[in-house]
């Protein structure tokens, strides 16, 4: 290292610490527990939101299916025995 850098680092090492480092570990633990609690609450809210969206989708699809009602018979429906596509098959 350059001699100026060694001298500056030596002066920095000689200076007293500006803060007490005794409470750092407790502060870190408290912050981690707060973060964990917030994350668990967030996941609970996400699960509730997902449940509400799924329930809304089920109710919406059920209401539209009930509103449509039964299908009317048509000779052009794919399931009809009178559909033109049935005339293309060989009858036995």
PDB file of N, CA and C in Angstrom:
ATOM      1  N   UNK A   1       0.825  -1.172   0.000  1.00  0.00           N
ATOM      2  CA  UNK A   1       0.000   0.000   0.000  1.00  0.00           C
ATOM      3  C   UNK A   1       0.882   1.252   0.000  1.00  0.00           C
ATOM      4  N   UNK A   2       0.346   2.313  -0.560  1.00  0.00           N
ATOM      5  CA  UNK A   2       1.108   3.569  -0.499  1.00  0.00           C
ATOM      6  C   UNK A   2       1.252   4.043   0.947  1.00  0.00           C
ATOM      7  N   UNK A   3       2.319   4.701   1.278  1.00  0.00           N
ATOM      8  CA  UNK A   3       2.545   5.135   2.657  1.00  0.00           C
ATOM      9  C   UNK A   3       1.476   6.105   3.159  1.00  0.00           C
ATOM     10  N   UNK A   4       0.918   6.935   2.281  1.00  0.00           N
ATOM     11  CA  UNK A   4      -0.133   7.866   2.719  1.00  0.00           C
ATOM     12  C   UNK A   4      -1.373   7.101   3.182  1.00  0.00           C
ATOM     13  N   UNK A   5      -1.706   6.042   2.457  1.00  0.00           N
ATOM     14  CA  UNK A   5      -2.875   5.248   2.826  1.00  0.00           C
ATOM     15  C   UNK A   5      -2.643   4.550   4.162  1.00  0.00           C
ATOM     16  N   UNK A   6      -1.444   4.021   4.373  1.00  0.00           N
ATOM     17  CA  UNK A   6      -1.126   3.394   5.656  1.00  0.00           C
ATOM     18  C   UNK A   6      -1.243   4.400   6.797  1.00  0.00           C
ATOM     19  N   UNK A   7      -0.756   5.605   6.572  1.00  0.00           N
ATOM     20  CA  UNK A   7      -0.831   6.630   7.604  1.00  0.00           C
ATOM     21  C   UNK A   7      -2.289   7.004   7.891  1.00  0.00           C
ATOM     22  N   UNK A   8      -3.128   7.154   6.847  1.00  0.00           N
ATOM     23  CA  UNK A   8      -4.540   7.504   7.040  1.00  0.00           C
ATOM     24  C   UNK A   8      -5.293   6.391   7.766  1.00  0.00           C
ATOM     25  N   UNK A   9      -5.028   5.148   7.399  1.00  0.00           N
ATOM     26  CA  UNK A   9      -5.692   4.026   8.077  1.00  0.00           C
ATOM     27  C   UNK A   9      -5.244   3.934   9.540  1.00  0.00           C
ATOM     28  N   UNK A  10      -4.004   4.227   9.821  1.00  0.00           N
ATOM     29  CA  UNK A  10      -3.520   4.225  11.200  1.00  0.00           C
ATOM     30  C   UNK A  10      -4.196   5.309  12.027  1.00  0.00           C
ATOM     31  N   UNK A  11      -4.380   6.487  11.446  1.00  0.00           N
ATOM     32  CA  UNK A  11      -5.084   7.562  12.154  1.00  0.00           C
ATOM     33  C   UNK A  11      -6.535   7.197  12.401  1.00  0.00           C
ATOM     34  N   UNK A  12      -7.169   6.587  11.423  1.00  0.00           N
ATOM     35  CA  UNK A  12      -8.563   6.165  11.575  1.00  0.00           C
ATOM     36  C   UNK A  12      -8.693   5.101  12.665  1.00  0.00           C
ATOM     37  N   UNK A  13      -7.725   4.188  12.718  1.00  0.00           N
ATOM     38  CA  UNK A  13      -7.751   3.136  13.738  1.00  0.00           C
ATOM     39  C   UNK A  13      -7.565   3.723  15.136  1.00  0.00           C
ATOM     40  N   UNK A  14      -6.849   4.789  15.255  1.00  0.00           N
ATOM     41  CA  UNK A  14      -6.573   5.393  16.555  1.00  0.00           C
ATOM     42  C   UNK A  14      -7.753   6.199  17.093  1.00  0.00           C
ATOM     43  N   UNK A  15      -8.669   6.591  16.232  1.00  0.00           N
ATOM     44  CA  UNK A  15      -9.808   7.398  16.686  1.00  0.00           C
ATOM     45  C   UNK A  15     -10.785   6.534  17.478  1.00  0.00           C
ATOM     46  N   UNK A  16     -11.479   7.136  18.458  1.00  0.00           N
ATOM     47  CA  UNK A  16     -12.462   6.373  19.224  1.00  0.00           C
ATOM     48  C   UNK A  16     -13.713   6.095  18.378  1.00  0.00           C
ATOM     49  N   UNK A  17     -14.443   5.062  18.742  1.00  0.00           N
ATOM     50  CA  UNK A  17     -15.680   4.702  18.039  1.00  0.00           C
ATOM     51  C   UNK A  17     -16.729   5.754  18.353  1.00  0.00           C
ATOM     52  N   UNK A  18     -17.454   6.205  17.328  1.00  0.00           N
ATOM     53  CA  UNK A  18     -18.427   7.271  17.531  1.00  0.00           C
ATOM     54  C   UNK A  18     -19.763   6.766  18.075  1.00  0.00           C
ATOM     55  N   UNK A  19     -19.997   5.477  18.024  1.00  0.00           N
ATOM     56  CA  UNK A  19     -21.251   4.905  18.537  1.00  0.00           C
ATOM     57  C   UNK A  19     -20.943   3.677  19.375  1.00  0.00           C
ATOM     58  N   UNK A  20     -21.866   3.396  20.273  1.00  0.00           N
ATOM     59  CA  UNK A  20     -21.744   2.168  21.056  1.00  0.00           C
ATOM     60  C   UNK A  20     -22.283   1.014  20.225  1.00  0.00           C
ATOM     61  N   UNK A  21     -21.495  -0.014  20.085  1.00  0.00           N
ATOM     62  CA  UNK A  21     -21.895  -1.158  19.264  1.00  0.00           C
ATOM     63  C   UNK A  21     -22.536  -2.267  20.095  1.00  0.00           C
ATOM     64  N   UNK A  22     -22.819  -1.999  21.361  1.00  0.00           N
ATOM     65  CA  UNK A  22     -23.397  -3.021  22.232  1.00  0.00           C
ATOM     66  C   UNK A  22     -24.835  -3.361  21.851  1.00  0.00           C
ATOM     67  N   UNK A  23     -25.584  -2.398  21.342  1.00  0.00           N
ATOM     68  CA  UNK A  23     -27.006  -2.617  21.070  1.00  0.00           C
ATOM     69  C   UNK A  23     -27.288  -2.965  19.612  1.00  0.00           C
ATOM     70  N   UNK A  24     -26.265  -3.119  18.804  1.00  0.00           N
ATOM     71  CA  UNK A  24     -26.469  -3.393  17.384  1.00  0.00           C
ATOM     72  C   UNK A  24     -27.141  -4.753  17.177  1.00  0.00           C
ATOM     73  N   UNK A  25     -26.692  -5.775  17.872  1.00  0.00           N
ATOM     74  CA  UNK A  25     -27.254  -7.115  17.700  1.00  0.00           C
ATOM     75  C   UNK A  25     -28.730  -7.140  18.096  1.00  0.00           C
ATOM     76  N   UNK A  26     -29.082  -6.462  19.195  1.00  0.00           N
ATOM     77  CA  UNK A  26     -30.488  -6.423  19.606  1.00  0.00           C
ATOM     78  C   UNK A  26     -31.339  -5.671  18.590  1.00  0.00           C
ATOM     79  N   UNK A  27     -30.810  -4.587  18.050  1.00  0.00           N
ATOM     80  CA  UNK A  27     -31.553  -3.820  17.051  1.00  0.00           C
ATOM     81  C   UNK A  27     -31.758  -4.638  15.775  1.00  0.00           C
ATOM     82  N   UNK A  28     -30.751  -5.405  15.395  1.00  0.00           N
ATOM     83  CA  UNK A  28     -30.871  -6.241  14.200  1.00  0.00           C
ATOM     84  C   UNK A  28     -31.916  -7.328  14.420  1.00  0.00           C
ATOM     85  N   UNK A  29     -31.898  -7.964  15.577  1.00  0.00           N
ATOM     86  CA  UNK A  29     -32.894  -9.007  15.886  1.00  0.00           C
ATOM     87  C   UNK A  29     -34.302  -8.429  15.889  1.00  0.00           C
ATOM     88  N   UNK A  30     -34.480  -7.248  16.475  1.00  0.00           N
ATOM     89  CA  UNK A  30     -35.806  -6.625  16.507  1.00  0.00           C
ATOM     90  C   UNK A  30     -36.286  -6.303  15.099  1.00  0.00           C
ATOM     91  N   UNK A  31     -35.399  -5.783  14.272  1.00  0.00           N
ATOM     92  CA  UNK A  31     -35.776  -5.446  12.899  1.00  0.00           C
ATOM     93  C   UNK A  31     -36.127  -6.691  12.094  1.00  0.00           C
ATOM     94  N   UNK A  32     -35.375  -7.773  12.295  1.00  0.00           N
ATOM     95  CA  UNK A  32     -35.676  -9.024  11.596  1.00  0.00           C
ATOM     96  C   UNK A  32     -37.025  -9.599  12.021  1.00  0.00           C
ATOM     97  N   UNK A  33     -37.338  -9.524  13.309  1.00  0.00           N
ATOM     98  CA  UNK A  33     -38.636 -10.038  13.757  1.00  0.00           C
ATOM     99  C   UNK A  33     -39.782  -9.184  13.228  1.00  0.00           C
ATOM    100  N   UNK A  34     -39.587  -7.858  13.139  1.00  0.00           N
ATOM    101  CA  UNK A  34     -40.617  -6.994  12.566  1.00  0.00           C
ATOM    102  C   UNK A  34     -40.832  -7.309  11.094  1.00  0.00           C
ATOM    103  N   UNK A  35     -39.747  -7.553  10.379  1.00  0.00           N
ATOM    104  CA  UNK A  35     -39.839  -7.880   8.956  1.00  0.00           C
ATOM    105  C   UNK A  35     -40.538  -9.221   8.751  1.00  0.00           C
ATOM    106  N   UNK A  36     -40.221 -10.191   9.580  1.00  0.00           N
ATOM    107  CA  UNK A  36     -40.864 -11.505   9.466  1.00  0.00           C
ATOM    108  C   UNK A  36     -42.357 -11.408   9.755  1.00  0.00           C
ATOM    109  N   UNK A  37     -42.727 -10.617  10.751  1.00  0.00           N
ATOM    110  CA  UNK A  37     -44.145 -10.446  11.073  1.00  0.00           C
ATOM    111  C   UNK A  37     -44.881  -9.759   9.927  1.00  0.00           C
ATOM    112  N   UNK A  38     -44.258  -8.765   9.333  1.00  0.00           N
ATOM    113  CA  UNK A  38     -44.889  -8.069   8.208  1.00  0.00           C
ATOM    114  C   UNK A  38     -45.049  -8.991   7.009  1.00  0.00           C
ATOM    115  N   UNK A  39     -44.046  -9.842   6.753  1.00  0.00           N
ATOM    116  CA  UNK A  39     -44.138 -10.768   5.625  1.00  0.00           C
ATOM    117  C   UNK A  39     -45.240 -11.798   5.838  1.00  0.00           C
ATOM    118  N   UNK A  40     -45.377 -12.303   7.061  1.00  0.00           N
ATOM    119  CA  UNK A  40     -46.430 -13.293   7.308  1.00  0.00           C
ATOM    120  C   UNK A  40     -47.806 -12.659   7.158  1.00  0.00           C
ATOM    121  N   UNK A  41     -47.946 -11.418   7.588  1.00  0.00           N
ATOM    122  CA  UNK A  41     -49.221 -10.727   7.430  1.00  0.00           C
ATOM    123  C   UNK A  41     -49.497 -10.478   5.947  1.00  0.00           C
ATOM    124  N   UNK A  42     -48.483 -10.131   5.187  1.00  0.00           N
ATOM    125  CA  UNK A  42     -48.651  -9.890   3.762  1.00  0.00           C
ATOM    126  C   UNK A  42     -49.095 -11.163   3.048  1.00  0.00           C
ATOM    127  N   UNK A  43     -48.506 -12.303   3.396  1.00  0.00           N
ATOM    128  CA  UNK A  43     -48.914 -13.554   2.754  1.00  0.00           C
ATOM    129  C   UNK A  43     -50.347 -13.915   3.115  1.00  0.00           C
ATOM    130  N   UNK A  44     -50.754 -13.608   4.337  1.00  0.00           N
ATOM    131  CA  UNK A  44     -52.143 -13.855   4.715  1.00  0.00           C
ATOM    132  C   UNK A  44     -53.107 -13.016   3.896  1.00  0.00           C
ATOM    133  N   UNK A  45     -52.752 -11.749   3.674  1.00  0.00           N
ATOM    134  CA  UNK A  45     -53.601 -10.881   2.862  1.00  0.00           C
ATOM    135  C   UNK A  45     -53.622 -11.329   1.405  1.00  0.00           C
ATOM    136  N   UNK A  46     -52.493 -11.797   0.905  1.00  0.00           N
ATOM    137  CA  UNK A  46     -52.458 -12.306  -0.470  1.00  0.00           C
ATOM    138  C   UNK A  46     -53.345 -13.537  -0.622  1.00  0.00           C
ATOM    139  N   UNK A  47     -53.307 -14.416   0.355  1.00  0.00           N
ATOM    140  CA  UNK A  47     -54.140 -15.624   0.298  1.00  0.00           C
ATOM    141  C   UNK A  47     -55.617 -15.249   0.348  1.00  0.00           C
ATOM    142  N   UNK A  48     -55.967 -14.291   1.186  1.00  0.00           N
ATOM    143  CA  UNK A  48     -57.355 -13.835   1.270  1.00  0.00           C
ATOM    144  C   UNK A  48     -57.792 -13.210  -0.048  1.00  0.00           C
ATOM    145  N   UNK A  49     -56.945 -12.394  -0.656  1.00  0.00           N
ATOM    146  CA  UNK A  49     -57.272 -11.782  -1.939  1.00  0.00           C
ATOM    147  C   UNK A  49     -57.464 -12.842  -3.017  1.00  0.00           C
ATOM    148  N   UNK A  50     -56.601 -13.851  -3.036  1.00  0.00           N
ATOM    149  CA  UNK A  50     -56.733 -14.930  -4.008  1.00  0.00           C
ATOM    150  C   UNK A  50     -58.040 -15.687  -3.811  1.00  0.00           C
ATOM    151  N   UNK A  51     -58.386 -15.945  -2.573  1.00  0.00           N
ATOM    152  CA  UNK A  51     -59.636 -16.639  -2.281  1.00  0.00           C
ATOM    153  C   UNK A  51     -60.831 -15.826  -2.749  1.00  0.00           C
ATOM    154  N   UNK A  52     -60.818 -14.520  -2.521  1.00  0.00           N
ATOM    155  CA  UNK A  52     -61.925 -13.668  -2.953  1.00  0.00           C
ATOM    156  C   UNK A  52     -62.030 -13.608  -4.472  1.00  0.00           C
ATOM    157  N   UNK A  53     -60.911 -13.536  -5.158  1.00  0.00           N
ATOM    158  CA  UNK A  53     -60.930 -13.498  -6.620  1.00  0.00           C
ATOM    159  C   UNK A  53     -61.462 -14.818  -7.176  1.00  0.00           C
ATOM    160  N   UNK A  54     -61.022 -15.928  -6.596  1.00  0.00           N
ATOM    161  CA  UNK A  54     -61.507 -17.228  -7.069  1.00  0.00           C
ATOM    162  C   UNK A  54     -63.001 -17.388  -6.813  1.00  0.00           C
ATOM    163  N   UNK A  55     -63.471 -16.960  -5.637  1.00  0.00           N
ATOM    164  CA  UNK A  55     -64.896 -17.056  -5.329  1.00  0.00           C
ATOM    165  C   UNK A  55     -65.700 -16.176  -6.283  1.00  0.00           C
ATOM    166  N   UNK A  56     -65.190 -14.991  -6.575  1.00  0.00           N
ATOM    167  CA  UNK A  56     -65.877 -14.122  -7.533  1.00  0.00           C
ATOM    168  C   UNK A  56     -65.957 -14.751  -8.913  1.00  0.00           C
ATOM    169  N   UNK A  57     -64.889 -15.407  -9.343  1.00  0.00           N
ATOM    170  CA  UNK A  57     -64.899 -16.085 -10.630  1.00  0.00           C
ATOM    171  C   UNK A  57     -65.893 -17.230 -10.677  1.00  0.00           C
ATOM    172  N   UNK A  58     -65.964 -17.974  -9.594  1.00  0.00           N
ATOM    173  CA  UNK A  58     -66.918 -19.093  -9.536  1.00  0.00           C
ATOM    174  C   UNK A  58     -68.340 -18.568  -9.587  1.00  0.00           C
ATOM    175  N   UNK A  59     -68.624 -17.522  -8.812  1.00  0.00           N
ATOM    176  CA  UNK A  59     -69.978 -16.960  -8.812  1.00  0.00           C
ATOM    177  C   UNK A  59     -70.330 -16.349 -10.163  1.00  0.00           C
ATOM    178  N   UNK A  60     -69.382 -15.675 -10.795  1.00  0.00           N
ATOM    179  CA  UNK A  60     -69.649 -15.071 -12.099  1.00  0.00           C
ATOM    180  C   UNK A  60     -69.907 -16.131 -13.153  1.00  0.00           C
ATOM    181  N   UNK A  61     -69.118 -17.195 -13.157  1.00  0.00           N
ATOM    182  CA  UNK A  61     -69.323 -18.239 -14.155  1.00  0.00           C
ATOM    183  C   UNK A  61     -70.619 -19.002 -13.895  1.00  0.00           C
ATOM    184  N   UNK A  62     -70.976 -19.181 -12.634  1.00  0.00           N
ATOM    185  CA  UNK A  62     -72.228 -19.874 -12.312  1.00  0.00           C
ATOM    186  C   UNK A  62     -73.429 -19.033 -12.727  1.00  0.00           C
ATOM    187  N   UNK A  63     -73.342 -17.716 -12.533  1.00  0.00           N
ATOM    188  CA  UNK A  63     -74.477 -16.868 -12.881  1.00  0.00           C
ATOM    189  C   UNK A  63     -74.648 -16.766 -14.397  1.00  0.00           C
ATOM    190  N   UNK A  64     -73.567 -16.740 -15.156  1.00  0.00           N
ATOM    191  CA  UNK A  64     -73.704 -16.678 -16.610  1.00  0.00           C
ATOM    192  C   UNK A  64     -74.173 -18.010 -17.174  1.00  0.00           C
ATOM    193  N   UNK A  65     -73.764 -19.101 -16.561  1.00  0.00           N
ATOM    194  CA  UNK A  65     -74.227 -20.414 -17.036  1.00  0.00           C
ATOM    195  C   UNK A  65     -75.720 -20.576 -16.771  1.00  0.00           C
ATOM    196  N   UNK A  66     -76.200 -20.059 -15.652  1.00  0.00           N
ATOM    197  CA  UNK A  66     -77.625 -20.158 -15.343  1.00  0.00           C
ATOM    198  C   UNK A  66     -78.443 -19.231 -16.239  1.00  0.00           C
ATOM    199  N   UNK A  67     -77.877 -18.106 -16.632  1.00  0.00           N
ATOM    200  CA  UNK A  67     -78.598 -17.157 -17.473  1.00  0.00           C
ATOM    201  C   UNK A  67     -78.730 -17.653 -18.909  1.00  0.00           C
ATOM    202  N   UNK A  68     -77.814 -18.458 -19.374  1.00  0.00           N
ATOM    203  CA  UNK A  68     -77.846 -18.942 -20.749  1.00  0.00           C
ATOM    204  C   UNK A  68     -79.019 -19.886 -20.955  1.00  0.00           C
ATOM    205  N   UNK A  69     -79.263 -20.746 -20.024  1.00  0.00           N
ATOM    206  CA  UNK A  69     -80.388 -21.679 -20.111  1.00  0.00           C
ATOM    207  C   UNK A  69     -80.085 -22.839 -21.041  1.00  0.00           C
ATOM    208  N   UNK A  70     -81.086 -23.670 -21.311  1.00  0.00           N
ATOM    209  CA  UNK A  70     -80.857 -24.836 -22.168  1.00  0.00           C
ATOM    210  C   UNK A  70     -80.682 -24.419 -23.634  1.00  0.00           C
ATOM    211  N   UNK A  71     -79.903 -25.197 -24.340  1.00  0.00           N
ATOM    212  CA  UNK A  71     -79.655 -24.913 -25.762  1.00  0.00           C
ATOM    213  C   UNK A  71     -80.864 -25.334 -26.588  1.00  0.00           C
ATOM    214  N   UNK A  72     -81.170 -24.534 -27.600  1.00  0.00           N
ATOM    215  CA  UNK A  72     -82.300 -24.850 -28.476  1.00  0.00           C
ATOM    216  C   UNK A  72     -81.832 -25.832 -29.542  1.00  0.00           C
ATOM    217  N   UNK A  73     -82.744 -26.669 -29.965  1.00  0.00           N
ATOM    218  CA  UNK A  73     -82.413 -27.654 -30.994  1.00  0.00           C
ATOM    219  C   UNK A  73     -82.274 -26.953 -32.339  1.00  0.00           C
ATOM    220  N   UNK A  74     -81.230 -27.302 -33.047  1.00  0.00           N
ATOM    221  CA  UNK A  74     -80.984 -26.720 -34.354  1.00  0.00           C
ATOM    222  C   UNK A  74     -80.385 -27.798 -35.248  1.00  0.00           C
ATOM    223  N   UNK A  75     -80.780 -27.827 -36.510  1.00  0.00           N
ATOM    224  CA  UNK A  75     -80.180 -28.824 -37.400  1.00  0.00           C
ATOM    225  C   UNK A  75     -78.706 -28.540 -37.673  1.00  0.00           C
ATOM    226  N   UNK A  76     -78.234 -27.346 -37.350  1.00  0.00           N
ATOM    227  CA  UNK A  76     -76.848 -26.997 -37.603  1.00  0.00           C
ATOM    228  C   UNK A  76     -75.960 -27.134 -36.373  1.00  0.00           C
ATOM    229  N   UNK A  77     -76.498 -27.605 -35.275  1.00  0.00           N
ATOM    230  CA  UNK A  77     -75.690 -27.834 -34.076  1.00  0.00           C
ATOM    231  C   UNK A  77     -74.825 -29.071 -34.296  1.00  0.00           C
ATOM    232  N   UNK A  78     -73.654 -29.074 -33.712  1.00  0.00           N
ATOM    233  CA  UNK A  78     -72.719 -30.185 -33.920  1.00  0.00           C
ATOM    234  C   UNK A  78     -73.240 -31.485 -33.324  1.00  0.00           C
ATOM    235  N   UNK A  79     -74.046 -31.411 -32.275  1.00  0.00           N
ATOM    236  CA  UNK A  79     -74.530 -32.611 -31.615  1.00  0.00           C
ATOM    237  C   UNK A  79     -75.803 -33.156 -32.245  1.00  0.00           C
ATOM    238  N   UNK A  80     -76.374 -32.428 -33.196  1.00  0.00           N
ATOM    239  CA  UNK A  80     -77.659 -32.817 -33.776  1.00  0.00           C
ATOM    240  C   UNK A  80     -77.477 -33.968 -34.759  1.00  0.00           C
ATOM    241  N   UNK A  81     -78.465 -34.850 -34.795  1.00  0.00           N
ATOM    242  CA  UNK A  81     -78.420 -35.951 -35.762  1.00  0.00           C
ATOM    243  C   UNK A  81     -78.783 -35.459 -37.158  1.00  0.00           C
ATOM    244  N   UNK A  82     -79.325 -34.247 -37.250  1.00  0.00           N
ATOM    245  CA  UNK A  82     -79.685 -33.668 -38.537  1.00  0.00           C
ATOM    246  C   UNK A  82     -78.599 -32.739 -39.088  1.00  0.00           C
ATOM    247  N   UNK A  83     -77.464 -32.682 -38.440  1.00  0.00           N
ATOM    248  CA  UNK A  83     -76.385 -31.797 -38.879  1.00  0.00           C
ATOM    249  C   UNK A  83     -75.880 -32.233 -40.249  1.00  0.00           C
ATOM    250  N   UNK A  84     -75.502 -31.280 -41.109  1.00  0.00           N
ATOM    251  CA  UNK A  84     -75.000 -31.640 -42.444  1.00  0.00           C
ATOM    252  C   UNK A  84     -73.778 -32.546 -42.397  1.00  0.00           C
ATOM    253  N   UNK A  85     -72.983 -32.457 -41.346  1.00  0.00           N
ATOM    254  CA  UNK A  85     -71.798 -33.308 -41.271  1.00  0.00           C
ATOM    255  C   UNK A  85     -72.157 -34.781 -41.138  1.00  0.00           C
ATOM    256  N   UNK A  86     -73.344 -35.095 -40.646  1.00  0.00           N
ATOM    257  CA  UNK A  86     -73.743 -36.498 -40.529  1.00  0.00           C
ATOM    258  C   UNK A  86     -74.082 -37.090 -41.883  1.00  0.00           C
ATOM    259  N   UNK A  87     -74.413 -36.258 -42.860  1.00  0.00           N
ATOM    260  CA  UNK A  87     -74.724 -36.746 -44.197  1.00  0.00           C
ATOM    261  C   UNK A  87     -73.477 -37.171 -44.963  1.00  0.00           C
ATOM    262  N   UNK A  88     -72.316 -36.737 -44.497  1.00  0.00           N
ATOM    263  CA  UNK A  88     -71.071 -37.100 -45.160  1.00  0.00           C
ATOM    264  C   UNK A  88     -70.585 -38.473 -44.770  1.00  0.00           C
ATOM    265  N   UNK A  89     -71.082 -38.990 -43.672  1.00  0.00           N
ATOM    266  CA  UNK A  89     -70.655 -40.298 -43.204  1.00  0.00           C
ATOM    267  C   UNK A  89     -71.430 -41.375 -43.967  1.00  0.00           C
ATOM    268  N   UNK A  90     -70.782 -42.516 -44.107  1.00  0.00           N
ATOM    269  CA  UNK A  90     -71.451 -43.641 -44.773  1.00  0.00           C
ATOM    270  C   UNK A  90     -72.456 -44.260 -43.816  1.00  0.00           C
ATOM    271  N   UNK A  91     -73.608 -44.482 -44.283  1.00  0.00           N
ATOM    272  CA  UNK A  91     -74.606 -45.168 -43.444  1.00  0.00           C
ATOM    273  C   UNK A  91     -74.511 -46.667 -43.723  1.00  0.00           C
ATOM    274  N   UNK A  92     -74.661 -47.434 -42.711  1.00  0.00           N
ATOM    275  CA  UNK A  92     -74.557 -48.896 -42.878  1.00  0.00           C
ATOM    276  C   UNK A  92     -75.850 -49.566 -42.649  1.00  0.00           C
TER     277      UNK A  92
END
